[in-house]
């Protein structure tokens, strides 16, 4: 897959990374900006280090991300947890459950949504991520 052209970042916006996580069972965000609505949550999050964290809220989320053409797209990702203090995590199983594809093979990394919109996934060391606009 060709590399996307440089991204135009609108004034007042910034790029943040969302880790694409194969071990994450649901999308999670540390700040409230991706959420279209927030509702009280009764979930408890157990992280890989076996620590338990209460989840104060959850709701439908939407991201602004850069597609393979370098254009900003709005992605509705469905239910996500608001987990203050945690990294932003995009669940591979959540993408697959919504009819998408997560492809992480031989330097050809991308996410393809059910709508056929494709987003490049970048790799930094052992982590995969997509850039998100705030």
C-alpha atoms as a PDB file:
ATOM      1  CA  UNK A   1       0.000   0.000   0.000  1.00  0.00           C
ATOM      2  CA  UNK A   2       1.457   3.414  -0.909  1.00  0.00           C
ATOM      3  CA  UNK A   3       2.342   5.835   1.855  1.00  0.00           C
ATOM      4  CA  UNK A   4      -0.224   8.624   2.328  1.00  0.00           C
ATOM      5  CA  UNK A   5       0.723  12.180   1.401  1.00  0.00           C
ATOM      6  CA  UNK A   6       1.554  14.638   4.187  1.00  0.00           C
ATOM      7  CA  UNK A   7      -1.451  15.417   6.330  1.00  0.00           C
ATOM      8  CA  UNK A   8      -2.920  18.888   6.637  1.00  0.00           C
ATOM      9  CA  UNK A   9      -3.513  19.580  10.319  1.00  0.00           C
ATOM     10  CA  UNK A  10      -6.077  22.378  10.726  1.00  0.00           C
ATOM     11  CA  UNK A  11      -5.064  25.278  12.997  1.00  0.00           C
ATOM     12  CA  UNK A  12      -5.902  24.486  16.619  1.00  0.00           C
ATOM     13  CA  UNK A  13      -5.812  20.725  15.974  1.00  0.00           C
ATOM     14  CA  UNK A  14      -3.129  18.248  16.908  1.00  0.00           C
ATOM     15  CA  UNK A  15      -2.231  14.702  15.959  1.00  0.00           C
ATOM     16  CA  UNK A  16      -2.381  12.005  18.626  1.00  0.00           C
ATOM     17  CA  UNK A  17      -1.663   8.312  18.355  1.00  0.00           C
ATOM     18  CA  UNK A  18      -4.220   5.583  18.984  1.00  0.00           C
ATOM     19  CA  UNK A  19      -2.655   2.202  19.653  1.00  0.00           C
ATOM     20  CA  UNK A  20      -4.164  -0.593  17.539  1.00  0.00           C
ATOM     21  CA  UNK A  21      -4.357  -3.353  20.130  1.00  0.00           C
ATOM     22  CA  UNK A  22      -5.052  -7.010  19.342  1.00  0.00           C
ATOM     23  CA  UNK A  23      -5.419  -7.812  23.053  1.00  0.00           C
ATOM     24  CA  UNK A  24      -7.949  -5.075  23.787  1.00  0.00           C
ATOM     25  CA  UNK A  25     -11.545  -6.305  23.865  1.00  0.00           C
ATOM     26  CA  UNK A  26     -13.196  -2.849  23.537  1.00  0.00           C
ATOM     27  CA  UNK A  27     -12.127   0.598  22.344  1.00  0.00           C
ATOM     28  CA  UNK A  28     -10.867   2.895  25.134  1.00  0.00           C
ATOM     29  CA  UNK A  29     -10.060   6.594  25.346  1.00  0.00           C
ATOM     30  CA  UNK A  30      -8.483   8.601  28.150  1.00  0.00           C
ATOM     31  CA  UNK A  31     -10.211  11.868  27.260  1.00  0.00           C
ATOM     32  CA  UNK A  32     -13.827  12.696  26.484  1.00  0.00           C
ATOM     33  CA  UNK A  33     -13.370  14.259  23.043  1.00  0.00           C
ATOM     34  CA  UNK A  34     -14.131  11.137  20.906  1.00  0.00           C
ATOM     35  CA  UNK A  35     -17.475  10.496  22.606  1.00  0.00           C
ATOM     36  CA  UNK A  36     -20.759  11.625  21.090  1.00  0.00           C
ATOM     37  CA  UNK A  37     -22.469  10.917  24.436  1.00  0.00           C
ATOM     38  CA  UNK A  38     -21.338   9.518  27.780  1.00  0.00           C
ATOM     39  CA  UNK A  39     -23.315   7.330  30.142  1.00  0.00           C
ATOM     40  CA  UNK A  40     -22.404   6.013  33.593  1.00  0.00           C
ATOM     41  CA  UNK A  41     -20.597   2.687  33.380  1.00  0.00           C
ATOM     42  CA  UNK A  42     -20.524  -0.284  35.711  1.00  0.00           C
ATOM     43  CA  UNK A  43     -17.505  -1.874  33.971  1.00  0.00           C
ATOM     44  CA  UNK A  44     -14.225  -2.686  35.657  1.00  0.00           C
ATOM     45  CA  UNK A  45     -11.182  -2.787  33.429  1.00  0.00           C
ATOM     46  CA  UNK A  46      -8.473  -5.380  34.084  1.00  0.00           C
ATOM     47  CA  UNK A  47      -5.190  -4.455  32.412  1.00  0.00           C
ATOM     48  CA  UNK A  48      -2.396  -6.808  31.322  1.00  0.00           C
ATOM     49  CA  UNK A  49      -0.629  -6.243  34.646  1.00  0.00           C
ATOM     50  CA  UNK A  50      -3.763  -7.624  36.400  1.00  0.00           C
ATOM     51  CA  UNK A  51      -4.673  -4.238  37.928  1.00  0.00           C
ATOM     52  CA  UNK A  52      -8.358  -3.360  38.153  1.00  0.00           C
ATOM     53  CA  UNK A  53      -9.590   0.081  37.147  1.00  0.00           C
ATOM     54  CA  UNK A  54     -13.118   1.393  37.478  1.00  0.00           C
ATOM     55  CA  UNK A  55     -14.577   2.844  34.293  1.00  0.00           C
ATOM     56  CA  UNK A  56     -16.600   5.993  35.020  1.00  0.00           C
ATOM     57  CA  UNK A  57     -18.364   6.270  31.672  1.00  0.00           C
ATOM     58  CA  UNK A  58     -18.950   4.720  28.258  1.00  0.00           C
ATOM     59  CA  UNK A  59     -20.726   5.608  25.065  1.00  0.00           C
ATOM     60  CA  UNK A  60     -20.655   5.804  21.283  1.00  0.00           C
ATOM     61  CA  UNK A  61     -17.431   7.269  19.931  1.00  0.00           C
ATOM     62  CA  UNK A  62     -16.355   8.912  16.712  1.00  0.00           C
ATOM     63  CA  UNK A  63     -12.789   9.570  15.612  1.00  0.00           C
ATOM     64  CA  UNK A  64     -11.248  12.000  13.174  1.00  0.00           C
ATOM     65  CA  UNK A  65      -8.531  10.021  11.406  1.00  0.00           C
ATOM     66  CA  UNK A  66      -6.483  10.284   8.230  1.00  0.00           C
ATOM     67  CA  UNK A  67      -7.345   7.889   5.374  1.00  0.00           C
ATOM     68  CA  UNK A  68      -4.853   6.433   2.861  1.00  0.00           C
ATOM     69  CA  UNK A  69      -5.336   9.491   0.623  1.00  0.00           C
ATOM     70  CA  UNK A  70      -4.304  11.866   3.427  1.00  0.00           C
ATOM     71  CA  UNK A  71      -7.861  13.176   3.945  1.00  0.00           C
ATOM     72  CA  UNK A  72      -9.539  13.531   7.298  1.00  0.00           C
ATOM     73  CA  UNK A  73     -12.437  11.118   7.785  1.00  0.00           C
ATOM     74  CA  UNK A  74     -14.928  10.716  10.611  1.00  0.00           C
ATOM     75  CA  UNK A  75     -15.093   7.116  11.828  1.00  0.00           C
ATOM     76  CA  UNK A  76     -17.998   5.929  13.946  1.00  0.00           C
ATOM     77  CA  UNK A  77     -16.536   3.131  16.075  1.00  0.00           C
ATOM     78  CA  UNK A  78     -19.510   2.312  18.271  1.00  0.00           C
ATOM     79  CA  UNK A  79     -19.254   1.669  21.987  1.00  0.00           C
ATOM     80  CA  UNK A  80     -16.082   2.700  23.786  1.00  0.00           C
ATOM     81  CA  UNK A  81     -15.004   3.117  27.392  1.00  0.00           C
ATOM     82  CA  UNK A  82     -13.857   6.406  28.905  1.00  0.00           C
ATOM     83  CA  UNK A  83     -10.781   5.457  30.954  1.00  0.00           C
ATOM     84  CA  UNK A  84      -9.052   8.583  32.318  1.00  0.00           C
ATOM     85  CA  UNK A  85      -5.297   8.151  32.581  1.00  0.00           C
ATOM     86  CA  UNK A  86      -5.171   5.269  30.080  1.00  0.00           C
ATOM     87  CA  UNK A  87      -3.707   5.250  26.568  1.00  0.00           C
ATOM     88  CA  UNK A  88      -6.122   5.518  23.659  1.00  0.00           C
ATOM     89  CA  UNK A  89      -6.686   1.967  22.385  1.00  0.00           C
ATOM     90  CA  UNK A  90      -8.464   0.824  19.247  1.00  0.00           C
ATOM     91  CA  UNK A  91      -9.651  -2.766  19.653  1.00  0.00           C
ATOM     92  CA  UNK A  92      -8.851  -5.086  16.727  1.00  0.00           C
ATOM     93  CA  UNK A  93     -11.739  -7.345  17.742  1.00  0.00           C
ATOM     94  CA  UNK A  94     -14.046  -4.301  17.856  1.00  0.00           C
ATOM     95  CA  UNK A  95     -13.090  -3.419  14.278  1.00  0.00           C
ATOM     96  CA  UNK A  96     -13.581  -7.027  13.136  1.00  0.00           C
ATOM     97  CA  UNK A  97     -16.942  -7.302  14.928  1.00  0.00           C
ATOM     98  CA  UNK A  98     -18.098  -4.200  13.037  1.00  0.00           C
ATOM     99  CA  UNK A  99     -17.260  -5.846   9.702  1.00  0.00           C
ATOM    100  CA  UNK A 100     -13.824  -4.288   9.219  1.00  0.00           C
ATOM    101  CA  UNK A 101     -10.393  -5.745   8.521  1.00  0.00           C
ATOM    102  CA  UNK A 102      -7.163  -5.248  10.448  1.00  0.00           C
ATOM    103  CA  UNK A 103      -4.146  -6.130   8.299  1.00  0.00           C
ATOM    104  CA  UNK A 104      -0.721  -6.225   9.979  1.00  0.00           C
ATOM    105  CA  UNK A 105       1.554  -8.190   7.669  1.00  0.00           C
ATOM    106  CA  UNK A 106       5.006  -7.681   6.147  1.00  0.00           C
ATOM    107  CA  UNK A 107       5.146  -3.887   6.332  1.00  0.00           C
ATOM    108  CA  UNK A 108       1.660  -3.593   4.806  1.00  0.00           C
ATOM    109  CA  UNK A 109      -0.399  -2.307   7.737  1.00  0.00           C
ATOM    110  CA  UNK A 110      -3.922  -0.930   7.385  1.00  0.00           C
ATOM    111  CA  UNK A 111      -7.472  -0.932   8.718  1.00  0.00           C
ATOM    112  CA  UNK A 112     -10.316  -1.276   6.232  1.00  0.00           C
ATOM    113  CA  UNK A 113     -13.799  -0.445   7.461  1.00  0.00           C
ATOM    114  CA  UNK A 114     -17.035  -2.015   6.298  1.00  0.00           C
ATOM    115  CA  UNK A 115     -17.542   1.136   4.180  1.00  0.00           C
ATOM    116  CA  UNK A 116     -14.286   0.230   2.328  1.00  0.00           C
ATOM    117  CA  UNK A 117     -12.541   3.317   3.735  1.00  0.00           C
ATOM    118  CA  UNK A 118      -8.928   2.427   4.462  1.00  0.00           C
ATOM    119  CA  UNK A 119      -6.628   3.898   7.097  1.00  0.00           C
ATOM    120  CA  UNK A 120      -2.879   3.357   7.198  1.00  0.00           C
ATOM    121  CA  UNK A 121      -1.524   1.791  10.360  1.00  0.00           C
ATOM    122  CA  UNK A 122       1.974   2.816  11.336  1.00  0.00           C
ATOM    123  CA  UNK A 123       4.467   0.816  13.349  1.00  0.00           C
ATOM    124  CA  UNK A 124       6.805   2.198  15.977  1.00  0.00           C
ATOM    125  CA  UNK A 125       8.893  -0.578  17.533  1.00  0.00           C
ATOM    126  CA  UNK A 126       6.452  -3.275  18.646  1.00  0.00           C
ATOM    127  CA  UNK A 127       3.407  -0.968  18.659  1.00  0.00           C
ATOM    128  CA  UNK A 128       0.940  -0.357  15.840  1.00  0.00           C
ATOM    129  CA  UNK A 129      -1.038   2.881  15.799  1.00  0.00           C
ATOM    130  CA  UNK A 130      -3.111   5.243  13.717  1.00  0.00           C
ATOM    131  CA  UNK A 131      -2.905   9.041  13.940  1.00  0.00           C
ATOM    132  CA  UNK A 132      -6.019  10.769  15.260  1.00  0.00           C
ATOM    133  CA  UNK A 133      -6.846  14.448  14.880  1.00  0.00           C
ATOM    134  CA  UNK A 134      -8.089  16.315  17.916  1.00  0.00           C
END
